[in-house]
């Protein structure tokens, strides 16, 4: 006889009967440490397949360079991330940031 700890009391083997054949039933099987039934496995597979298809249709998010923060160290980092040549204000800001950092470290 196996026991499962449920908060402040122990219960005998929990059996999932409510929701079998759904993804929630599948998760309930996993939470209770039981073997999943075929209906729940099929429901979980269809859930994952549908989720995958939705993500595939949505496609990748396209990021574009936005010069909002140009003239700051963050702007320089954006230039680097998007592989865009850094503008002069961003290069000066990055050089000043590194000089301040070195001065702070040696002090």
C-alpha atoms as a PDB file:
ATOM      1  CA  UNK A   1       0.000   0.000   0.000  1.00  0.00           C
ATOM      2  CA  UNK A   2       1.591   3.253  -1.142  1.00  0.00           C
ATOM      3  CA  UNK A   3       0.872   6.627   0.372  1.00  0.00           C
ATOM      4  CA  UNK A   4       0.932  10.089  -1.178  1.00  0.00           C
ATOM      5  CA  UNK A   5       1.541  13.114   1.008  1.00  0.00           C
ATOM      6  CA  UNK A   6      -1.248  15.674   0.600  1.00  0.00           C
ATOM      7  CA  UNK A   7      -0.574  18.723   2.770  1.00  0.00           C
ATOM      8  CA  UNK A   8      -1.073  17.709   6.392  1.00  0.00           C
ATOM      9  CA  UNK A   9      -2.466  14.224   5.797  1.00  0.00           C
ATOM     10  CA  UNK A  10      -1.610  11.070   3.921  1.00  0.00           C
ATOM     11  CA  UNK A  11      -4.049   9.570   1.439  1.00  0.00           C
ATOM     12  CA  UNK A  12      -4.173   6.152  -0.135  1.00  0.00           C
ATOM     13  CA  UNK A  13      -3.332   5.835  -3.811  1.00  0.00           C
ATOM     14  CA  UNK A  14      -5.104   8.715  -5.555  1.00  0.00           C
ATOM     15  CA  UNK A  15      -6.912   7.684  -8.701  1.00  0.00           C
ATOM     16  CA  UNK A  16      -7.751  10.243 -11.346  1.00  0.00           C
ATOM     17  CA  UNK A  17     -11.288   9.705 -12.553  1.00  0.00           C
ATOM     18  CA  UNK A  18     -12.442  13.268 -13.136  1.00  0.00           C
ATOM     19  CA  UNK A  19     -11.197  14.769 -16.391  1.00  0.00           C
ATOM     20  CA  UNK A  20      -9.715  11.660 -17.968  1.00  0.00           C
ATOM     21  CA  UNK A  21      -9.223  12.135 -21.669  1.00  0.00           C
ATOM     22  CA  UNK A  22      -8.192  15.789 -21.320  1.00  0.00           C
ATOM     23  CA  UNK A  23      -4.879  17.567 -20.942  1.00  0.00           C
ATOM     24  CA  UNK A  24      -5.865  18.476 -17.366  1.00  0.00           C
ATOM     25  CA  UNK A  25      -6.462  14.782 -16.692  1.00  0.00           C
ATOM     26  CA  UNK A  26      -3.017  13.994 -18.087  1.00  0.00           C
ATOM     27  CA  UNK A  27      -1.422  16.561 -15.735  1.00  0.00           C
ATOM     28  CA  UNK A  28      -3.446  15.132 -12.830  1.00  0.00           C
ATOM     29  CA  UNK A  29      -2.045  11.677 -13.572  1.00  0.00           C
ATOM     30  CA  UNK A  30       1.486  13.103 -13.492  1.00  0.00           C
ATOM     31  CA  UNK A  31       0.885  15.005 -10.247  1.00  0.00           C
ATOM     32  CA  UNK A  32      -0.417  11.915  -8.525  1.00  0.00           C
ATOM     33  CA  UNK A  33       2.486   9.781  -9.756  1.00  0.00           C
ATOM     34  CA  UNK A  34       0.268   7.394 -11.713  1.00  0.00           C
ATOM     35  CA  UNK A  35       0.761   5.909 -15.126  1.00  0.00           C
ATOM     36  CA  UNK A  36      -1.218   7.910 -17.643  1.00  0.00           C
ATOM     37  CA  UNK A  37      -4.096   6.270 -19.467  1.00  0.00           C
ATOM     38  CA  UNK A  38      -4.207   6.116 -23.265  1.00  0.00           C
ATOM     39  CA  UNK A  39      -7.025   8.715 -23.498  1.00  0.00           C
ATOM     40  CA  UNK A  40      -5.026  11.250 -21.480  1.00  0.00           C
ATOM     41  CA  UNK A  41      -1.862  10.599 -23.517  1.00  0.00           C
ATOM     42  CA  UNK A  42      -3.792  11.190 -26.725  1.00  0.00           C
ATOM     43  CA  UNK A  43      -5.289  14.398 -25.323  1.00  0.00           C
ATOM     44  CA  UNK A  44      -1.841  15.647 -24.281  1.00  0.00           C
ATOM     45  CA  UNK A  45      -0.385  14.841 -27.701  1.00  0.00           C
ATOM     46  CA  UNK A  46      -3.151  16.725 -29.485  1.00  0.00           C
ATOM     47  CA  UNK A  47      -2.684  19.676 -27.093  1.00  0.00           C
ATOM     48  CA  UNK A  48       1.056  19.841 -27.837  1.00  0.00           C
ATOM     49  CA  UNK A  49       0.497  19.397 -31.567  1.00  0.00           C
ATOM     50  CA  UNK A  50      -2.040  22.237 -31.668  1.00  0.00           C
ATOM     51  CA  UNK A  51       0.254  24.478 -29.613  1.00  0.00           C
ATOM     52  CA  UNK A  52       3.131  23.743 -31.986  1.00  0.00           C
ATOM     53  CA  UNK A  53       0.997  24.535 -35.036  1.00  0.00           C
ATOM     54  CA  UNK A  54      -0.106  27.858 -33.531  1.00  0.00           C
ATOM     55  CA  UNK A  55       3.490  28.872 -32.805  1.00  0.00           C
ATOM     56  CA  UNK A  56       4.549  27.815 -36.289  1.00  0.00           C
ATOM     57  CA  UNK A  57       1.814  29.937 -37.914  1.00  0.00           C
ATOM     58  CA  UNK A  58       2.721  32.949 -35.790  1.00  0.00           C
ATOM     59  CA  UNK A  59       6.286  32.948 -37.107  1.00  0.00           C
ATOM     60  CA  UNK A  60       9.347  34.602 -35.663  1.00  0.00           C
ATOM     61  CA  UNK A  61       9.262  38.072 -34.216  1.00  0.00           C
ATOM     62  CA  UNK A  62      11.284  40.456 -36.359  1.00  0.00           C
ATOM     63  CA  UNK A  63      13.459  42.900 -34.455  1.00  0.00           C
ATOM     64  CA  UNK A  64      14.620  46.090 -36.091  1.00  0.00           C
ATOM     65  CA  UNK A  65      17.183  48.626 -34.974  1.00  0.00           C
ATOM     66  CA  UNK A  66      15.578  51.530 -33.125  1.00  0.00           C
ATOM     67  CA  UNK A  67      17.840  54.572 -32.593  1.00  0.00           C
ATOM     68  CA  UNK A  68      15.863  55.835 -29.562  1.00  0.00           C
ATOM     69  CA  UNK A  69      18.761  55.428 -27.143  1.00  0.00           C
ATOM     70  CA  UNK A  70      21.557  56.609 -29.386  1.00  0.00           C
ATOM     71  CA  UNK A  71      24.177  58.557 -27.494  1.00  0.00           C
ATOM     72  CA  UNK A  72      24.176  56.173 -24.507  1.00  0.00           C
ATOM     73  CA  UNK A  73      26.003  52.999 -23.609  1.00  0.00           C
ATOM     74  CA  UNK A  74      22.728  51.104 -24.141  1.00  0.00           C
ATOM     75  CA  UNK A  75      22.544  52.610 -27.626  1.00  0.00           C
ATOM     76  CA  UNK A  76      26.053  51.344 -28.344  1.00  0.00           C
ATOM     77  CA  UNK A  77      24.974  47.874 -27.176  1.00  0.00           C
ATOM     78  CA  UNK A  78      22.014  48.017 -29.559  1.00  0.00           C
ATOM     79  CA  UNK A  79      24.327  48.847 -32.438  1.00  0.00           C
ATOM     80  CA  UNK A  80      26.430  45.816 -31.517  1.00  0.00           C
ATOM     81  CA  UNK A  81      23.397  43.522 -31.152  1.00  0.00           C
ATOM     82  CA  UNK A  82      21.892  44.466 -34.518  1.00  0.00           C
ATOM     83  CA  UNK A  83      25.306  44.464 -36.231  1.00  0.00           C
ATOM     84  CA  UNK A  84      24.884  48.092 -37.269  1.00  0.00           C
ATOM     85  CA  UNK A  85      27.963  50.349 -37.307  1.00  0.00           C
ATOM     86  CA  UNK A  86      27.976  52.488 -34.162  1.00  0.00           C
ATOM     87  CA  UNK A  87      27.342  56.191 -34.571  1.00  0.00           C
ATOM     88  CA  UNK A  88      29.744  58.734 -33.106  1.00  0.00           C
ATOM     89  CA  UNK A  89      27.576  59.694 -30.070  1.00  0.00           C
ATOM     90  CA  UNK A  90      27.221  56.031 -29.103  1.00  0.00           C
ATOM     91  CA  UNK A  91      30.961  55.410 -29.451  1.00  0.00           C
ATOM     92  CA  UNK A  92      31.729  58.408 -27.239  1.00  0.00           C
ATOM     93  CA  UNK A  93      29.179  57.258 -24.651  1.00  0.00           C
ATOM     94  CA  UNK A  94      30.642  53.727 -24.593  1.00  0.00           C
ATOM     95  CA  UNK A  95      34.195  55.080 -24.264  1.00  0.00           C
ATOM     96  CA  UNK A  96      33.114  57.333 -21.380  1.00  0.00           C
ATOM     97  CA  UNK A  97      31.334  54.420 -19.700  1.00  0.00           C
ATOM     98  CA  UNK A  98      34.458  52.246 -19.900  1.00  0.00           C
ATOM     99  CA  UNK A  99      36.678  55.090 -18.634  1.00  0.00           C
ATOM    100  CA  UNK A 100      34.352  55.625 -15.649  1.00  0.00           C
ATOM    101  CA  UNK A 101      34.306  51.920 -14.973  1.00  0.00           C
ATOM    102  CA  UNK A 102      38.097  51.644 -15.018  1.00  0.00           C
ATOM    103  CA  UNK A 103      38.450  54.701 -12.766  1.00  0.00           C
ATOM    104  CA  UNK A 104      35.933  53.261 -10.311  1.00  0.00           C
ATOM    105  CA  UNK A 105      37.733  49.914 -10.251  1.00  0.00           C
ATOM    106  CA  UNK A 106      41.191  51.424  -9.604  1.00  0.00           C
ATOM    107  CA  UNK A 107      39.897  53.803  -6.909  1.00  0.00           C
END
